[in-house]
Amino acid sequence: MARDVLKTAGLHGHKYAIDAILAAVAGQEAAQGAEATVFTSDTDDMNQLLAGHPVRVEKV
């Protein structure tokens, strides 16, 4: 799942690995009808990883 998120976003490398895992889990939860919010200091990358998923991204 995380690999697909990275590929879709056009990102690669260890810098995005943990973010991709978080995005994959949040996207999966949202797809099952749950409200999902991700809190991050890097909203640009997370929004890119979550493009097309109904997940709210909040800056901390």
PDB file of N, CA and C in Angstrom:
ATOM      1  N   MET A   1       0.806  -1.184   0.000  1.00  0.00           N
ATOM      2  CA  MET A   1       0.000   0.000   0.000  1.00  0.00           C
ATOM      3  C   MET A   1       0.858   1.260   0.000  1.00  0.00           C
ATOM      4  N   ALA A   2       1.809   1.349   0.897  1.00  0.00           N
ATOM      5  CA  ALA A   2       2.646   2.549   0.987  1.00  0.00           C
ATOM      6  C   ALA A   2       3.445   2.751  -0.298  1.00  0.00           C
ATOM      7  N   ARG A   3       3.887   1.668  -0.891  1.00  0.00           N
ATOM      8  CA  ARG A   3       4.641   1.762  -2.150  1.00  0.00           C
ATOM      9  C   ARG A   3       3.757   2.364  -3.243  1.00  0.00           C
ATOM     10  N   ASP A   4       2.487   1.961  -3.272  1.00  0.00           N
ATOM     11  CA  ASP A   4       1.555   2.507  -4.262  1.00  0.00           C
ATOM     12  C   ASP A   4       1.309   3.996  -4.031  1.00  0.00           C
ATOM     13  N   VAL A   5       1.221   4.398  -2.763  1.00  0.00           N
ATOM     14  CA  VAL A   5       1.031   5.811  -2.427  1.00  0.00           C
ATOM     15  C   VAL A   5       2.216   6.625  -2.938  1.00  0.00           C
ATOM     16  N   LEU A   6       3.426   6.141  -2.706  1.00  0.00           N
ATOM     17  CA  LEU A   6       4.625   6.840  -3.181  1.00  0.00           C
ATOM     18  C   LEU A   6       4.646   6.939  -4.705  1.00  0.00           C
ATOM     19  N   LYS A   7       4.330   5.837  -5.353  1.00  0.00           N
ATOM     20  CA  LYS A   7       4.350   5.807  -6.814  1.00  0.00           C
ATOM     21  C   LYS A   7       3.327   6.777  -7.393  1.00  0.00           C
ATOM     22  N   THR A   8       2.116   6.772  -6.843  1.00  0.00           N
ATOM     23  CA  THR A   8       1.060   7.663  -7.321  1.00  0.00           C
ATOM     24  C   THR A   8       1.445   9.125  -7.130  1.00  0.00           C
ATOM     25  N   ALA A   9       2.088   9.431  -6.009  1.00  0.00           N
ATOM     26  CA  ALA A   9       2.495  10.808  -5.714  1.00  0.00           C
ATOM     27  C   ALA A   9       3.752  11.218  -6.476  1.00  0.00           C
ATOM     28  N   GLY A  10       4.438  10.251  -7.081  1.00  0.00           N
ATOM     29  CA  GLY A  10       5.665  10.554  -7.807  1.00  0.00           C
ATOM     30  C   GLY A  10       6.845  10.824  -6.888  1.00  0.00           C
ATOM     31  N   LEU A  11       6.786  10.287  -5.674  1.00  0.00           N
ATOM     32  CA  LEU A  11       7.858  10.481  -4.697  1.00  0.00           C
ATOM     33  C   LEU A  11       8.598   9.164  -4.490  1.00  0.00           C
ATOM     34  N   HIS A  12       9.827   9.254  -3.983  1.00  0.00           N
ATOM     35  CA  HIS A  12      10.579   8.042  -3.677  1.00  0.00           C
ATOM     36  C   HIS A  12      11.644   8.355  -2.630  1.00  0.00           C
ATOM     37  N   GLY A  13      12.141   7.311  -2.028  1.00  0.00           N
ATOM     38  CA  GLY A  13      13.221   7.466  -1.064  1.00  0.00           C
ATOM     39  C   GLY A  13      12.770   7.371   0.376  1.00  0.00           C
ATOM     40  N   HIS A  14      13.769   7.194   1.241  1.00  0.00           N
ATOM     41  CA  HIS A  14      13.487   6.991   2.658  1.00  0.00           C
ATOM     42  C   HIS A  14      12.877   8.221   3.320  1.00  0.00           C
ATOM     43  N   LYS A  15      13.076   9.401   2.742  1.00  0.00           N
ATOM     44  CA  LYS A  15      12.517  10.624   3.318  1.00  0.00           C
ATOM     45  C   LYS A  15      10.998  10.541   3.425  1.00  0.00           C
ATOM     46  N   TYR A  16      10.370   9.848   2.486  1.00  0.00           N
ATOM     47  CA  TYR A  16       8.915   9.785   2.438  1.00  0.00           C
ATOM     48  C   TYR A  16       8.340   8.462   2.957  1.00  0.00           C
ATOM     49  N   ALA A  17       9.170   7.530   3.364  1.00  0.00           N
ATOM     50  CA  ALA A  17       8.708   6.189   3.718  1.00  0.00           C
ATOM     51  C   ALA A  17       7.690   6.189   4.856  1.00  0.00           C
ATOM     52  N   ILE A  18       7.995   6.841   5.955  1.00  0.00           N
ATOM     53  CA  ILE A  18       7.075   6.843   7.097  1.00  0.00           C
ATOM     54  C   ILE A  18       5.813   7.620   6.753  1.00  0.00           C
ATOM     55  N   ASP A  19       5.950   8.740   6.059  1.00  0.00           N
ATOM     56  CA  ASP A  19       4.775   9.501   5.634  1.00  0.00           C
ATOM     57  C   ASP A  19       3.883   8.659   4.730  1.00  0.00           C
ATOM     58  N   ALA A  20       4.483   7.877   3.849  1.00  0.00           N
ATOM     59  CA  ALA A  20       3.705   7.035   2.939  1.00  0.00           C
ATOM     60  C   ALA A  20       2.941   5.960   3.697  1.00  0.00           C
ATOM     61  N   ILE A  21       3.555   5.396   4.728  1.00  0.00           N
ATOM     62  CA  ILE A  21       2.863   4.396   5.547  1.00  0.00           C
ATOM     63  C   ILE A  21       1.679   5.040   6.251  1.00  0.00           C
ATOM     64  N   LEU A  22       1.898   6.199   6.837  1.00  0.00           N
ATOM     65  CA  LEU A  22       0.818   6.921   7.509  1.00  0.00           C
ATOM     66  C   LEU A  22      -0.294   7.274   6.524  1.00  0.00           C
ATOM     67  N   ALA A  23       0.063   7.754   5.344  1.00  0.00           N
ATOM     68  CA  ALA A  23      -0.929   8.108   4.331  1.00  0.00           C
ATOM     69  C   ALA A  23      -1.719   6.884   3.875  1.00  0.00           C
ATOM     70  N   ALA A  24      -1.045   5.755   3.720  1.00  0.00           N
ATOM     71  CA  ALA A  24      -1.730   4.530   3.301  1.00  0.00           C
ATOM     72  C   ALA A  24      -2.745   4.087   4.346  1.00  0.00           C
ATOM     73  N   VAL A  25      -2.370   4.126   5.604  1.00  0.00           N
ATOM     74  CA  VAL A  25      -3.287   3.725   6.679  1.00  0.00           C
ATOM     75  C   VAL A  25      -4.457   4.701   6.772  1.00  0.00           C
ATOM     76  N   ALA A  26      -4.175   5.995   6.720  1.00  0.00           N
ATOM     77  CA  ALA A  26      -5.244   6.997   6.793  1.00  0.00           C
ATOM     78  C   ALA A  26      -6.186   6.872   5.599  1.00  0.00           C
ATOM     79  N   GLY A  27      -5.638   6.660   4.423  1.00  0.00           N
ATOM     80  CA  GLY A  27      -6.463   6.484   3.229  1.00  0.00           C
ATOM     81  C   GLY A  27      -7.330   5.250   3.303  1.00  0.00           C
ATOM     82  N   GLN A  28      -6.779   4.177   3.854  1.00  0.00           N
ATOM     83  CA  GLN A  28      -7.539   2.937   4.010  1.00  0.00           C
ATOM     84  C   GLN A  28      -8.680   3.128   5.005  1.00  0.00           C
ATOM     85  N   GLU A  29      -8.413   3.802   6.098  1.00  0.00           N
ATOM     86  CA  GLU A  29      -9.461   4.069   7.093  1.00  0.00           C
ATOM     87  C   GLU A  29     -10.562   4.945   6.494  1.00  0.00           C
ATOM     88  N   ALA A  30     -10.176   5.974   5.756  1.00  0.00           N
ATOM     89  CA  ALA A  30     -11.156   6.863   5.130  1.00  0.00           C
ATOM     90  C   ALA A  30     -12.000   6.111   4.103  1.00  0.00           C
ATOM     91  N   ALA A  31     -11.374   5.196   3.381  1.00  0.00           N
ATOM     92  CA  ALA A  31     -12.097   4.409   2.384  1.00  0.00           C
ATOM     93  C   ALA A  31     -13.142   3.502   3.029  1.00  0.00           C
ATOM     94  N   GLN A  32     -12.943   3.167   4.295  1.00  0.00           N
ATOM     95  CA  GLN A  32     -13.896   2.327   5.025  1.00  0.00           C
ATOM     96  C   GLN A  32     -14.947   3.161   5.744  1.00  0.00           C
ATOM     97  N   GLY A  33     -14.944   4.471   5.504  1.00  0.00           N
ATOM     98  CA  GLY A  33     -15.969   5.337   6.063  1.00  0.00           C
ATOM     99  C   GLY A  33     -15.595   6.074   7.329  1.00  0.00           C
ATOM    100  N   ALA A  34     -14.401   5.866   7.830  1.00  0.00           N
ATOM    101  CA  ALA A  34     -13.968   6.555   9.049  1.00  0.00           C
ATOM    102  C   ALA A  34     -13.513   7.973   8.713  1.00  0.00           C
ATOM    103  N   GLU A  35     -13.709   8.889   9.658  1.00  0.00           N
ATOM    104  CA  GLU A  35     -13.133  10.225   9.499  1.00  0.00           C
ATOM    105  C   GLU A  35     -11.660  10.127   9.863  1.00  0.00           C
ATOM    106  N   ALA A  36     -10.806  10.577   8.968  1.00  0.00           N
ATOM    107  CA  ALA A  36      -9.370  10.472   9.212  1.00  0.00           C
ATOM    108  C   ALA A  36      -8.726  11.847   9.117  1.00  0.00           C
ATOM    109  N   THR A  37      -7.881  12.141  10.097  1.00  0.00           N
ATOM    110  CA  THR A  37      -7.110  13.376  10.117  1.00  0.00           C
ATOM    111  C   THR A  37      -5.657  13.018  10.390  1.00  0.00           C
ATOM    112  N   VAL A  38      -4.761  13.598   9.620  1.00  0.00           N
ATOM    113  CA  VAL A  38      -3.330  13.399   9.809  1.00  0.00           C
ATOM    114  C   VAL A  38      -2.740  14.725  10.273  1.00  0.00           C
ATOM    115  N   PHE A  39      -1.993  14.688  11.358  1.00  0.00           N
ATOM    116  CA  PHE A  39      -1.303  15.868  11.878  1.00  0.00           C
ATOM    117  C   PHE A  39       0.168  15.759  11.499  1.00  0.00           C
ATOM    118  N   THR A  40       0.697  16.805  10.866  1.00  0.00           N
ATOM    119  CA  THR A  40       2.068  16.762  10.370  1.00  0.00           C
ATOM    120  C   THR A  40       2.662  18.167  10.313  1.00  0.00           C
ATOM    121  N   SER A  41       3.968  18.235  10.340  1.00  0.00           N
ATOM    122  CA  SER A  41       4.632  19.529  10.171  1.00  0.00           C
ATOM    123  C   SER A  41       4.839  19.846   8.691  1.00  0.00           C
ATOM    124  N   ASP A  42       4.709  18.837   7.828  1.00  0.00           N
ATOM    125  CA  ASP A  42       4.919  19.018   6.391  1.00  0.00           C
ATOM    126  C   ASP A  42       3.627  18.726   5.634  1.00  0.00           C
ATOM    127  N   THR A  43       2.743  19.698   5.607  1.00  0.00           N
ATOM    128  CA  THR A  43       1.442  19.488   4.973  1.00  0.00           C
ATOM    129  C   THR A  43       1.552  19.344   3.454  1.00  0.00           C
ATOM    130  N   ASP A  44       2.537  19.969   2.838  1.00  0.00           N
ATOM    131  CA  ASP A  44       2.668  19.876   1.380  1.00  0.00           C
ATOM    132  C   ASP A  44       2.894  18.436   0.931  1.00  0.00           C
ATOM    133  N   ASP A  45       3.867  17.765   1.547  1.00  0.00           N
ATOM    134  CA  ASP A  45       4.145  16.376   1.179  1.00  0.00           C
ATOM    135  C   ASP A  45       2.965  15.473   1.515  1.00  0.00           C
ATOM    136  N   MET A  46       2.365  15.664   2.679  1.00  0.00           N
ATOM    137  CA  MET A  46       1.262  14.793   3.075  1.00  0.00           C
ATOM    138  C   MET A  46       0.055  14.994   2.162  1.00  0.00           C
ATOM    139  N   ASN A  47      -0.235  16.239   1.788  1.00  0.00           N
ATOM    140  CA  ASN A  47      -1.330  16.476   0.841  1.00  0.00           C
ATOM    141  C   ASN A  47      -1.045  15.812  -0.497  1.00  0.00           C
ATOM    142  N   GLN A  48       0.204  15.821  -0.914  1.00  0.00           N
ATOM    143  CA  GLN A  48       0.579  15.165  -2.164  1.00  0.00           C
ATOM    144  C   GLN A  48       0.387  13.653  -2.049  1.00  0.00           C
ATOM    145  N   LEU A  49       0.777  13.083  -0.921  1.00  0.00           N
ATOM    146  CA  LEU A  49       0.626  11.643  -0.717  1.00  0.00           C
ATOM    147  C   LEU A  49      -0.840  11.227  -0.584  1.00  0.00           C
ATOM    148  N   LEU A  50      -1.666  12.121  -0.071  1.00  0.00           N
ATOM    149  CA  LEU A  50      -3.077  11.799   0.161  1.00  0.00           C
ATOM    150  C   LEU A  50      -4.001  12.318  -0.936  1.00  0.00           C
ATOM    151  N   ALA A  51      -3.456  12.779  -2.033  1.00  0.00           N
ATOM    152  CA  ALA A  51      -4.291  13.298  -3.119  1.00  0.00           C
ATOM    153  C   ALA A  51      -5.332  12.256  -3.522  1.00  0.00           C
ATOM    154  N   GLY A  52      -6.577  12.700  -3.588  1.00  0.00           N
ATOM    155  CA  GLY A  52      -7.654  11.793  -3.980  1.00  0.00           C
ATOM    156  C   GLY A  52      -8.280  11.026  -2.840  1.00  0.00           C
ATOM    157  N   HIS A  53      -7.771  11.206  -1.632  1.00  0.00           N
ATOM    158  CA  HIS A  53      -8.331  10.526  -0.462  1.00  0.00           C
ATOM    159  C   HIS A  53      -9.009  11.553   0.438  1.00  0.00           C
ATOM    160  N   PRO A  54     -10.164  11.205   0.993  1.00  0.00           N
ATOM    161  CA  PRO A  54     -10.887  12.149   1.865  1.00  0.00           C
ATOM    162  C   PRO A  54     -10.304  12.198   3.277  1.00  0.00           C
ATOM    163  N   VAL A  55      -9.053  12.590   3.369  1.00  0.00           N
ATOM    164  CA  VAL A  55      -8.353  12.660   4.651  1.00  0.00           C
ATOM    165  C   VAL A  55      -7.974  14.115   4.899  1.00  0.00           C
ATOM    166  N   ARG A  56      -8.292  14.600   6.087  1.00  0.00           N
ATOM    167  CA  ARG A  56      -7.940  15.975   6.455  1.00  0.00           C
ATOM    168  C   ARG A  56      -6.487  16.007   6.929  1.00  0.00           C
ATOM    169  N   VAL A  57      -5.749  17.016   6.494  1.00  0.00           N
ATOM    170  CA  VAL A  57      -4.350  17.190   6.892  1.00  0.00           C
ATOM    171  C   VAL A  57      -4.246  18.494   7.671  1.00  0.00           C
ATOM    172  N   GLU A  58      -3.720  18.403   8.890  1.00  0.00           N
ATOM    173  CA  GLU A  58      -3.584  19.568   9.769  1.00  0.00           C
ATOM    174  C   GLU A  58      -2.113  19.802  10.096  1.00  0.00           C
ATOM    175  N   LYS A  59      -1.709  21.060  10.092  1.00  0.00           N
ATOM    176  CA  LYS A  59      -0.321  21.423  10.425  1.00  0.00           C
ATOM    177  C   LYS A  59      -0.150  21.522  11.941  1.00  0.00           C
ATOM    178  N   VAL A  60       0.956  20.988  12.425  1.00  0.00           N
ATOM    179  CA  VAL A  60       1.309  21.121  13.848  1.00  0.00           C
ATOM    180  C   VAL A  60       2.617  21.863  13.972  1.00  0.00           C
TER     181      VAL A  60
END
